[in-house]
Each structure stands twice: as C-alpha cells, then as structure tokens.
C-alpha atoms as a PDB file:
ATOM      1  CA  MET A   1      -1.781 -23.656 -22.941  1.00  0.00           C
ATOM      2  CA  ARG A   2      -2.304 -19.959 -22.231  1.00  0.00           C
ATOM      3  CA  LYS A   3      -1.930 -18.764 -18.695  1.00  0.00           C
ATOM      4  CA  ARG A   4      -5.081 -17.029 -17.441  1.00  0.00           C
ATOM      5  CA  PRO A   5      -4.649 -13.493 -16.124  1.00  0.00           C
ATOM      6  CA  PRO A   6      -5.170 -13.120 -12.383  1.00  0.00           C
ATOM      7  CA  ASN A   7      -8.596 -12.186 -11.106  1.00  0.00           C
ATOM      8  CA  VAL A   8      -8.485  -8.431 -10.440  1.00  0.00           C
ATOM      9  CA  ALA A   9     -10.472  -8.675  -7.187  1.00  0.00           C
ATOM     10  CA  THR A  10      -8.152 -11.404  -5.889  1.00  0.00           C
ATOM     11  CA  THR A  11      -5.064  -9.431  -6.889  1.00  0.00           C
ATOM     12  CA  VAL A  12      -6.362  -6.238  -5.252  1.00  0.00           C
ATOM     13  CA  LYS A  13      -7.203  -8.110  -2.044  1.00  0.00           C
ATOM     14  CA  ALA A  14      -3.757  -9.708  -1.993  1.00  0.00           C
ATOM     15  CA  SER A  15      -2.035  -6.348  -2.500  1.00  0.00           C
ATOM     16  CA  ASP A  16      -4.124  -4.813   0.299  1.00  0.00           C
ATOM     17  CA  GLU A  17      -3.170  -7.677   2.621  1.00  0.00           C
ATOM     18  CA  THR A  18       0.513  -7.358   1.697  1.00  0.00           C
ATOM     19  CA  ALA A  19       0.472  -3.593   2.319  1.00  0.00           C
ATOM     20  CA  ALA A  20      -1.229  -4.079   5.691  1.00  0.00           C
ATOM     21  CA  ALA A  21       1.311  -6.754   6.701  1.00  0.00           C
ATOM     22  CA  LEU A  22       4.177  -4.471   5.666  1.00  0.00           C
ATOM     23  CA  ARG A  23       2.701  -1.610   7.702  1.00  0.00           C
ATOM     24  CA  GLN A  24       2.446  -3.874  10.768  1.00  0.00           C
ATOM     25  CA  LYS A  25       6.006  -5.126  10.377  1.00  0.00           C
ATOM     26  CA  VAL A  26       7.491  -1.646   9.925  1.00  0.00           C
ATOM     27  CA  LYS A  27       5.817  -0.272  13.049  1.00  0.00           C
ATOM     28  CA  GLU A  28       7.523  -2.807  15.330  1.00  0.00           C
ATOM     29  CA  PRO A  29      10.032  -0.889  17.483  1.00  0.00           C
ATOM     30  CA  PHE A  30      13.691  -1.608  17.118  1.00  0.00           C
ATOM     31  CA  ARG A  31      16.618  -0.560  19.251  1.00  0.00           C
ATOM     32  CA  PRO A  32      19.754   0.774  17.638  1.00  0.00           C
ATOM     33  CA  VAL A  33      22.661   1.486  19.986  1.00  0.00           C
ATOM     34  CA  LEU A  34      21.313   4.495  21.948  1.00  0.00           C
ATOM     35  CA  ALA A  35      17.664   4.944  20.985  1.00  0.00           C
ATOM     36  CA  VAL A  36      14.334   3.224  20.516  1.00  0.00           C
ATOM     37  CA  LEU A  37      12.752   3.849  17.131  1.00  0.00           C
ATOM     38  CA  ALA A  38       9.157   3.060  16.221  1.00  0.00           C
ATOM     39  CA  PRO A  39       8.694   3.925  12.545  1.00  0.00           C
ATOM     40  CA  THR A  40       5.359   4.133  10.754  1.00  0.00           C
ATOM     41  CA  VAL A  41       4.478   3.773   7.102  1.00  0.00           C
ATOM     42  CA  SER A  42       1.775   5.310   4.943  1.00  0.00           C
ATOM     43  CA  ILE A  43       0.861   3.384   1.802  1.00  0.00           C
ATOM     44  CA  GLY A  44      -1.248   4.529  -1.128  1.00  0.00           C
ATOM     45  CA  ALA A  45      -2.404   1.682  -3.346  1.00  0.00           C
ATOM     46  CA  ALA A  46      -4.091   1.569  -6.733  1.00  0.00           C
ATOM     47  CA  ALA A  47      -4.788  -1.361  -9.034  1.00  0.00           C
ATOM     48  CA  PHE A  48      -4.915  -1.663 -12.811  1.00  0.00           C
ATOM     49  CA  PRO A  49      -7.489  -1.759 -14.335  1.00  0.00           C
ATOM     50  CA  ALA A  50      -9.809  -1.506 -11.316  1.00  0.00           C
ATOM     51  CA  ASP A  51      -8.714   2.025 -10.360  1.00  0.00           C
ATOM     52  CA  ALA A  52      -7.325   3.416 -13.622  1.00  0.00           C
ATOM     53  CA  ASP A  53      -6.952   2.526 -17.274  1.00  0.00           C
ATOM     54  CA  THR A  54      -3.577   4.171 -18.013  1.00  0.00           C
ATOM     55  CA  ALA A  55      -0.217   4.183 -16.266  1.00  0.00           C
ATOM     56  CA  GLU A  56      -0.441   7.933 -15.678  1.00  0.00           C
ATOM     57  CA  ALA A  57      -3.903   7.646 -14.102  1.00  0.00           C
ATOM     58  CA  LEU A  58      -2.764   4.665 -12.018  1.00  0.00           C
ATOM     59  CA  PHE A  59       0.122   6.629 -10.500  1.00  0.00           C
ATOM     60  CA  GLN A  60      -2.203   9.577  -9.913  1.00  0.00           C
ATOM     61  CA  ARG A  61      -4.698   7.343  -8.011  1.00  0.00           C
ATOM     62  CA  ALA A  62      -1.885   5.814  -5.930  1.00  0.00           C
ATOM     63  CA  ASP A  63      -0.509   9.282  -5.148  1.00  0.00           C
ATOM     64  CA  GLU A  64      -3.956  10.513  -4.089  1.00  0.00           C
ATOM     65  CA  ALA A  65      -4.363   7.437  -1.874  1.00  0.00           C
ATOM     66  CA  LEU A  66      -0.949   8.090  -0.292  1.00  0.00           C
ATOM     67  CA  TYR A  67      -1.949  11.630   0.639  1.00  0.00           C
ATOM     68  CA  ARG A  68      -5.220  10.343   2.140  1.00  0.00           C
ATOM     69  CA  ALA A  69      -3.177   7.886   4.221  1.00  0.00           C
ATOM     70  CA  LYS A  70      -0.906  10.660   5.471  1.00  0.00           C
ATOM     71  CA  GLN A  71      -3.792  13.021   6.206  1.00  0.00           C
ATOM     72  CA  GLY A  72      -5.627  10.254   8.053  1.00  0.00           C
ATOM     73  CA  GLY A  73      -3.005  10.138  10.779  1.00  0.00           C
ATOM     74  CA  LYS A  74      -0.178   8.223   9.128  1.00  0.00           C
ATOM     75  CA  ASN A  75       0.530   4.513   9.586  1.00  0.00           C
ATOM     76  CA  ARG A  76      -2.320   3.617   7.219  1.00  0.00           C
ATOM     77  CA  VAL A  77      -3.020   1.880   3.954  1.00  0.00           C
ATOM     78  CA  CYS A  78      -5.460   3.674   1.670  1.00  0.00           C
ATOM     79  CA  ARG A  79      -6.835   2.747  -1.724  1.00  0.00           C
END
C-alpha cells in the first residue's frame, strides 16, 4: 500500500503553527545569573511546491520572507 503524500495546505498550516509556537516560546524571558534576557525570533517560511518549484527558488522565497519578518519589527513569522 502506497503512502499518500501530505496535503500541501495542511502541511503549510502545520508549519505556520509550529513557527508561531516556536516564536512564542523563544520570547519568554529567562534569567541567567546576572541578567534578564528576552530574546525574539524572526522566521521566514516557504513551502514546496506551494511557494516554489525548485530548491533554489524555495530558499529564495524563505529568505525573502525572513527579511520581511525582520523589517516588520522582528519577532514575526512571515510567509
């Protein structure tokens, strides 16, 4: 029995949810010995084949999305 490939829309939604959860977790402050740190994360996401049809184009779309996330004020997930 052949395994069916995942539904692209479902996979994209799941990756968006995972990225958002990671962003939330990373922004929680933590206290090393003498300081309080509150990091942020910017994530650029792209999905194959929804956003690109080659590996090179996929990385380009993800890179563009990362720069949009950073330009948008950091601590964001952009597709």
